[in-house]
């Protein structure tokens, strides 16, 4: 069973489907249906990815540095001319 519907395609998509249709020697309708099926199957078969996790590590505190003073930390890390 097929249903007739109107779809608005972007110009670049239209040209690519037309080119693919010519390469296949198939109708525009058949080519568009095949490409949509392929995209839907590929999307549903995409492997599930494990969520990315950031693991923090306690690195300790450096003696003599105040972590409340950003200016002092920048000077320590980047030198006196950090501006």
C-alpha atoms as a PDB file:
ATOM      1  CA  UNK A   1       0.000   0.000   0.000  1.00  0.00           C
ATOM      2  CA  UNK A   2       1.327   3.415  -0.849  1.00  0.00           C
ATOM      3  CA  UNK A   3       0.100   6.841   0.166  1.00  0.00           C
ATOM      4  CA  UNK A   4       0.520   9.959  -1.886  1.00  0.00           C
ATOM      5  CA  UNK A   5       1.813  12.939   0.061  1.00  0.00           C
ATOM      6  CA  UNK A   6       3.611  16.216  -0.533  1.00  0.00           C
ATOM      7  CA  UNK A   7       7.107  16.642   0.840  1.00  0.00           C
ATOM      8  CA  UNK A   8       9.176  19.804   0.624  1.00  0.00           C
ATOM      9  CA  UNK A   9      12.840  18.976  -0.001  1.00  0.00           C
ATOM     10  CA  UNK A  10      15.753  21.328   0.305  1.00  0.00           C
ATOM     11  CA  UNK A  11      17.403  22.070  -3.026  1.00  0.00           C
ATOM     12  CA  UNK A  12      20.619  20.189  -2.160  1.00  0.00           C
ATOM     13  CA  UNK A  13      18.656  17.105  -1.075  1.00  0.00           C
ATOM     14  CA  UNK A  14      16.571  17.198  -4.241  1.00  0.00           C
ATOM     15  CA  UNK A  15      19.684  17.312  -6.431  1.00  0.00           C
ATOM     16  CA  UNK A  16      21.321  14.433  -4.567  1.00  0.00           C
ATOM     17  CA  UNK A  17      18.223  12.241  -4.848  1.00  0.00           C
ATOM     18  CA  UNK A  18      17.923  13.066  -8.569  1.00  0.00           C
ATOM     19  CA  UNK A  19      21.586  12.176  -9.120  1.00  0.00           C
ATOM     20  CA  UNK A  20      21.200   8.918  -7.191  1.00  0.00           C
ATOM     21  CA  UNK A  21      18.082   8.147  -9.221  1.00  0.00           C
ATOM     22  CA  UNK A  22      20.016   8.613 -12.475  1.00  0.00           C
ATOM     23  CA  UNK A  23      22.910   6.459 -11.203  1.00  0.00           C
ATOM     24  CA  UNK A  24      20.545   3.654 -10.248  1.00  0.00           C
ATOM     25  CA  UNK A  25      18.437   3.958 -13.371  1.00  0.00           C
ATOM     26  CA  UNK A  26      15.381   4.010 -11.107  1.00  0.00           C
ATOM     27  CA  UNK A  27      12.501   6.407 -10.662  1.00  0.00           C
ATOM     28  CA  UNK A  28      12.737   9.337  -8.294  1.00  0.00           C
ATOM     29  CA  UNK A  29       9.954   7.829  -6.160  1.00  0.00           C
ATOM     30  CA  UNK A  30      11.668   4.436  -5.831  1.00  0.00           C
ATOM     31  CA  UNK A  31      15.032   6.023  -5.087  1.00  0.00           C
ATOM     32  CA  UNK A  32      13.585   8.325  -2.431  1.00  0.00           C
ATOM     33  CA  UNK A  33      11.758   5.426  -0.767  1.00  0.00           C
ATOM     34  CA  UNK A  34      14.919   3.289  -0.770  1.00  0.00           C
ATOM     35  CA  UNK A  35      17.003   6.104   0.715  1.00  0.00           C
ATOM     36  CA  UNK A  36      14.428   6.761   3.431  1.00  0.00           C
ATOM     37  CA  UNK A  37      14.244   3.062   4.312  1.00  0.00           C
ATOM     38  CA  UNK A  38      18.036   2.861   4.481  1.00  0.00           C
ATOM     39  CA  UNK A  39      18.229   5.928   6.740  1.00  0.00           C
ATOM     40  CA  UNK A  40      15.525   4.611   9.064  1.00  0.00           C
ATOM     41  CA  UNK A  41      17.109   1.160   9.350  1.00  0.00           C
ATOM     42  CA  UNK A  42      20.593   2.580   9.861  1.00  0.00           C
ATOM     43  CA  UNK A  43      19.358   4.938  12.560  1.00  0.00           C
ATOM     44  CA  UNK A  44      17.502   2.232  14.466  1.00  0.00           C
ATOM     45  CA  UNK A  45      20.452  -0.170  14.259  1.00  0.00           C
ATOM     46  CA  UNK A  46      23.002   2.307  15.584  1.00  0.00           C
ATOM     47  CA  UNK A  47      24.874   0.718  18.476  1.00  0.00           C
ATOM     48  CA  UNK A  48      24.020   2.060  21.893  1.00  0.00           C
ATOM     49  CA  UNK A  49      26.906   4.019  23.313  1.00  0.00           C
ATOM     50  CA  UNK A  50      27.948   3.897  26.902  1.00  0.00           C
ATOM     51  CA  UNK A  51      27.483   7.249  28.624  1.00  0.00           C
ATOM     52  CA  UNK A  52      30.651   9.277  28.939  1.00  0.00           C
ATOM     53  CA  UNK A  53      31.749   9.631  32.541  1.00  0.00           C
ATOM     54  CA  UNK A  54      34.375  11.905  33.985  1.00  0.00           C
ATOM     55  CA  UNK A  55      36.137  10.496  36.984  1.00  0.00           C
ATOM     56  CA  UNK A  56      37.710  13.041  39.264  1.00  0.00           C
ATOM     57  CA  UNK A  57      40.871  12.365  41.198  1.00  0.00           C
ATOM     58  CA  UNK A  58      41.948  14.150  44.330  1.00  0.00           C
ATOM     59  CA  UNK A  59      45.318  15.630  43.509  1.00  0.00           C
ATOM     60  CA  UNK A  60      45.976  17.203  46.867  1.00  0.00           C
ATOM     61  CA  UNK A  61      46.780  20.790  47.689  1.00  0.00           C
ATOM     62  CA  UNK A  62      50.078  22.523  47.055  1.00  0.00           C
ATOM     63  CA  UNK A  63      51.550  23.987  50.196  1.00  0.00           C
ATOM     64  CA  UNK A  64      51.793  27.768  50.115  1.00  0.00           C
ATOM     65  CA  UNK A  65      49.055  28.366  47.512  1.00  0.00           C
ATOM     66  CA  UNK A  66      45.715  29.888  48.378  1.00  0.00           C
ATOM     67  CA  UNK A  67      43.006  28.363  46.216  1.00  0.00           C
ATOM     68  CA  UNK A  68      40.753  31.269  47.180  1.00  0.00           C
ATOM     69  CA  UNK A  69      42.988  33.786  45.378  1.00  0.00           C
ATOM     70  CA  UNK A  70      42.611  33.407  41.599  1.00  0.00           C
ATOM     71  CA  UNK A  71      45.184  36.115  40.861  1.00  0.00           C
ATOM     72  CA  UNK A  72      47.825  34.245  42.854  1.00  0.00           C
ATOM     73  CA  UNK A  73      46.989  30.954  41.111  1.00  0.00           C
ATOM     74  CA  UNK A  74      47.235  32.544  37.654  1.00  0.00           C
ATOM     75  CA  UNK A  75      50.568  34.089  38.528  1.00  0.00           C
ATOM     76  CA  UNK A  76      51.846  30.733  39.771  1.00  0.00           C
ATOM     77  CA  UNK A  77      50.617  28.852  36.680  1.00  0.00           C
ATOM     78  CA  UNK A  78      51.360  31.372  33.924  1.00  0.00           C
ATOM     79  CA  UNK A  79      53.988  33.651  35.377  1.00  0.00           C
ATOM     80  CA  UNK A  80      53.950  37.274  36.386  1.00  0.00           C
ATOM     81  CA  UNK A  81      53.024  38.477  32.862  1.00  0.00           C
ATOM     82  CA  UNK A  82      49.813  36.445  32.578  1.00  0.00           C
ATOM     83  CA  UNK A  83      47.652  39.405  31.549  1.00  0.00           C
END
